[in-house]
């Protein structure tokens, strides 16, 4: 791993643990084992680190994950189930955690951290908006494929994409905030209701 990526990964992992706003350059340099001047050689300031961290650990990861999810075999419902689990870091096909760093991460903290960044740093919301547009396009293509394969009727794929994406966004919030509900139960309820609405 090169020095710049090491700084980004260290900041990302510290942010998962403490929240980005609570991470200092001092903590980053101590964790990386380098001087502040070395950090500033690669980044103009802490905000520059945040901007590039969003690119690397949200935008690039989502693009990469979308490619993986597009290539999952199975019916529309099987693909949808895979996506529900994958969105919270579980690859049900390989029965493994989705890895975005060398070490496993807590995906609840991942979602909480980026929700926090969205609210605390409005200057980066455009990046998140682009991410949402990318996800809507992904779902629209998934639905268009299901229509083409006669798995579902001739629905408005854009409207259904918004419907499914809204459910997935809400479901991750439930998963983070309502630990007494079984993950499998939440996913099954949502998928069954989506299927009833569009079949």
Protein backbone atom coordinates (compact mmCIF):
# COMPACT_ATOMS: atom_id res chain seq x y z
CA UNK A 1 0.00 0.00 0.00
CA UNK A 2 1.40 3.41 -0.92
CA UNK A 3 1.70 6.23 1.62
CA UNK A 4 -1.31 8.18 0.37
CA UNK A 5 -3.57 5.11 0.55
CA UNK A 6 -2.22 4.32 4.01
CA UNK A 7 -3.22 7.79 5.21
CA UNK A 8 -6.69 7.42 3.67
CA UNK A 9 -7.23 3.95 5.13
CA UNK A 10 -5.99 5.02 8.55
CA UNK A 11 -8.31 8.03 8.55
CA UNK A 12 -11.19 5.85 7.38
CA UNK A 13 -10.64 3.25 10.13
CA UNK A 14 -10.22 5.92 12.82
CA UNK A 15 -13.39 7.62 11.57
CA UNK A 16 -15.33 4.36 11.81
CA UNK A 17 -14.24 4.09 15.42
CA UNK A 18 -14.56 7.70 16.61
CA UNK A 19 -16.49 9.59 13.90
CA UNK A 20 -14.66 11.69 11.31
CA UNK A 21 -15.24 15.00 13.15
CA UNK A 22 -13.48 13.57 16.23
CA UNK A 23 -10.35 12.40 14.39
CA UNK A 24 -7.36 14.76 14.48
CA UNK A 25 -4.32 15.04 12.23
CA UNK A 26 -2.31 14.12 15.35
CA UNK A 27 -4.19 10.81 15.65
CA UNK A 28 -3.75 10.11 11.94
CA UNK A 29 0.00 10.75 12.03
CA UNK A 30 0.48 8.67 15.19
CA UNK A 31 -1.51 5.76 13.76
CA UNK A 32 0.37 5.98 10.44
CA UNK A 33 3.73 6.45 12.16
CA UNK A 34 4.61 9.53 10.11
CA UNK A 35 4.99 13.27 10.54
CA UNK A 36 2.31 15.86 9.88
CA UNK A 37 4.47 17.25 7.06
CA UNK A 38 4.34 13.83 5.36
CA UNK A 39 0.54 13.93 5.52
CA UNK A 40 0.48 17.47 4.13
CA UNK A 41 2.71 16.35 1.28
CA UNK A 42 -0.26 14.30 -0.04
CA UNK A 43 -3.21 16.34 1.25
CA UNK A 44 -3.69 20.09 1.55
CA UNK A 45 -5.65 19.77 4.80
CA UNK A 46 -7.99 17.47 6.74
CA UNK A 47 -10.91 18.41 4.45
CA UNK A 48 -8.89 17.20 1.46
CA UNK A 49 -8.46 13.86 3.24
CA UNK A 50 -12.23 13.71 3.80
CA UNK A 51 -13.01 14.49 0.16
CA UNK A 52 -10.70 11.74 -1.08
CA UNK A 53 -11.91 9.34 1.62
CA UNK A 54 -15.50 9.78 0.37
CA UNK A 55 -14.31 9.09 -3.19
CA UNK A 56 -12.38 5.98 -2.21
CA UNK A 57 -14.62 4.42 0.42
CA UNK A 58 -18.05 5.39 -0.88
CA UNK A 59 -18.13 6.34 -4.55
CA UNK A 60 -15.48 3.89 -5.81
CA UNK A 61 -16.75 1.11 -3.55
CA UNK A 62 -20.33 1.57 -4.76
CA UNK A 63 -19.22 1.53 -8.42
CA UNK A 64 -17.21 -1.64 -7.77
CA UNK A 65 -20.08 -3.25 -5.83
CA UNK A 66 -22.58 -2.38 -8.57
CA UNK A 67 -20.43 -4.29 -11.06
CA UNK A 68 -20.37 -7.31 -8.74
CA UNK A 69 -24.13 -7.13 -8.17
CA UNK A 70 -24.85 -6.81 -11.91
CA UNK A 71 -23.04 -10.08 -12.53
CA UNK A 72 -24.86 -12.11 -9.88
CA UNK A 73 -26.77 -14.96 -11.49
CA UNK A 74 -30.29 -15.93 -10.55
CA UNK A 75 -33.83 -14.61 -10.70
CA UNK A 76 -34.79 -11.01 -10.03
CA UNK A 77 -35.75 -11.90 -6.44
CA UNK A 78 -32.49 -13.80 -5.86
CA UNK A 79 -30.54 -10.80 -7.15
CA UNK A 80 -32.58 -8.48 -4.95
CA UNK A 81 -31.88 -10.63 -1.90
CA UNK A 82 -28.16 -10.61 -2.74
CA UNK A 83 -28.26 -6.78 -2.99
CA UNK A 84 -30.05 -6.39 0.36
CA UNK A 85 -27.36 -8.40 2.12
CA UNK A 86 -24.47 -6.96 0.11
CA UNK A 87 -25.53 -3.40 0.99
CA UNK A 88 -24.69 -4.15 4.63
CA UNK A 89 -21.46 -6.00 3.89
CA UNK A 90 -22.57 -9.63 3.57
CA UNK A 91 -21.88 -11.65 0.43
CA UNK A 92 -24.43 -14.47 0.71
CA UNK A 93 -23.10 -16.26 -2.39
CA UNK A 94 -19.64 -16.65 -0.87
CA UNK A 95 -20.86 -16.65 2.75
CA UNK A 96 -18.33 -13.95 3.64
CA UNK A 97 -18.06 -10.35 4.69
CA UNK A 98 -17.56 -7.81 1.89
CA UNK A 99 -14.04 -6.47 2.36
CA UNK A 100 -13.12 -2.89 1.61
CA UNK A 101 -9.97 -2.80 3.76
CA UNK A 102 -7.45 -5.45 4.78
CA UNK A 103 -9.26 -5.93 8.04
CA UNK A 104 -13.01 -6.52 8.43
CA UNK A 105 -15.04 -3.45 9.32
CA UNK A 106 -18.24 -2.87 11.26
CA UNK A 107 -20.80 -2.04 8.57
CA UNK A 108 -23.19 -0.43 11.05
CA UNK A 109 -20.44 2.07 11.87
CA UNK A 110 -19.79 2.48 8.14
CA UNK A 111 -23.39 3.55 7.46
CA UNK A 112 -23.54 5.73 10.58
CA UNK A 113 -20.25 7.46 9.74
CA UNK A 114 -21.23 8.39 6.21
CA UNK A 115 -24.72 9.52 7.31
CA UNK A 116 -22.98 11.74 9.84
CA UNK A 117 -20.62 13.15 7.20
CA UNK A 118 -23.58 13.88 4.93
CA UNK A 119 -25.23 15.95 7.67
CA UNK A 120 -22.14 17.62 9.15
CA UNK A 121 -20.36 18.51 5.90
CA UNK A 122 -22.93 19.88 3.42
CA UNK A 123 -20.16 20.85 0.99
CA UNK A 124 -19.80 17.14 0.13
CA UNK A 125 -23.49 16.42 -0.43
CA UNK A 126 -23.09 16.67 -4.19
CA UNK A 127 -20.84 13.58 -4.04
CA UNK A 128 -23.57 11.68 -2.18
CA UNK A 129 -26.19 12.92 -4.63
CA UNK A 130 -24.13 11.49 -7.51
CA UNK A 131 -23.95 8.23 -5.62
CA UNK A 132 -27.75 8.15 -5.27
CA UNK A 133 -28.16 8.83 -9.00
CA UNK A 134 -25.79 5.97 -9.74
CA UNK A 135 -27.76 3.61 -7.47
CA UNK A 136 -31.09 4.59 -9.06
CA UNK A 137 -29.67 3.88 -12.50
CA UNK A 138 -28.39 0.51 -11.23
CA UNK A 139 -31.87 -0.47 -9.94
CA UNK A 140 -33.56 0.78 -13.11
CA UNK A 141 -31.26 -1.44 -15.22
CA UNK A 142 -31.98 -4.40 -12.92
CA UNK A 143 -35.73 -3.89 -13.32
CA UNK A 144 -35.46 -3.40 -17.10
CA UNK A 145 -33.60 -6.72 -17.27
CA UNK A 146 -36.35 -8.44 -15.23
CA UNK A 147 -39.02 -7.00 -17.57
CA UNK A 148 -37.04 -8.20 -20.61
CA UNK A 149 -36.79 -11.69 -19.06
CA UNK A 150 -40.56 -11.71 -18.37
CA UNK A 151 -39.97 -12.07 -14.63
CA UNK A 152 -42.13 -9.04 -13.89
CA UNK A 153 -44.81 -7.19 -15.83
CA UNK A 154 -44.34 -4.03 -17.84
CA UNK A 155 -43.88 -1.64 -14.90
CA UNK A 156 -42.40 1.85 -14.91
CA UNK A 157 -38.80 0.88 -14.15
CA UNK A 158 -37.81 4.36 -12.94
CA UNK A 159 -40.66 4.48 -10.41
CA UNK A 160 -39.93 0.94 -9.20
CA UNK A 161 -36.22 1.81 -8.93
CA UNK A 162 -37.10 4.71 -6.62
CA UNK A 163 -39.42 2.41 -4.65
CA UNK A 164 -36.75 -0.29 -4.16
CA UNK A 165 -33.94 2.16 -3.44
CA UNK A 166 -36.12 3.91 -0.83
CA UNK A 167 -36.78 0.57 0.85
CA UNK A 168 -33.09 -0.33 0.91
CA UNK A 169 -32.18 3.05 2.39
CA UNK A 170 -34.87 2.61 5.06
CA UNK A 171 -33.95 -0.98 5.74
CA UNK A 172 -30.32 -0.08 6.49
CA UNK A 173 -31.59 2.51 8.98
CA UNK A 174 -33.72 -0.17 10.67
CA UNK A 175 -30.81 -2.58 10.71
CA UNK A 176 -28.61 0.02 12.41
CA UNK A 177 -31.24 1.31 14.82
CA UNK A 178 -33.44 -1.69 15.71
CA UNK A 179 -31.13 -4.53 16.76
CA UNK A 180 -33.99 -6.55 18.29
CA UNK A 181 -35.30 -7.40 14.81
CA UNK A 182 -33.68 -10.26 12.93
CA UNK A 183 -31.78 -9.17 9.83
CA UNK A 184 -33.17 -12.10 7.83
CA UNK A 185 -36.70 -11.23 8.93
CA UNK A 186 -36.37 -7.57 7.89
CA UNK A 187 -34.97 -8.57 4.49
CA UNK A 188 -37.62 -11.24 3.84
CA UNK A 189 -40.47 -8.88 4.79
CA UNK A 190 -39.15 -6.18 2.45
CA UNK A 191 -38.49 -8.51 -0.49
CA UNK A 192 -41.90 -10.18 -0.14
CA UNK A 193 -43.62 -6.79 -0.13
CA UNK A 194 -41.62 -5.56 -3.13
CA UNK A 195 -42.55 -8.74 -5.02
CA UNK A 196 -46.24 -8.38 -4.17
CA UNK A 197 -46.19 -4.77 -5.37
CA UNK A 198 -44.56 -5.39 -8.75
CA UNK A 199 -45.34 -8.93 -9.91
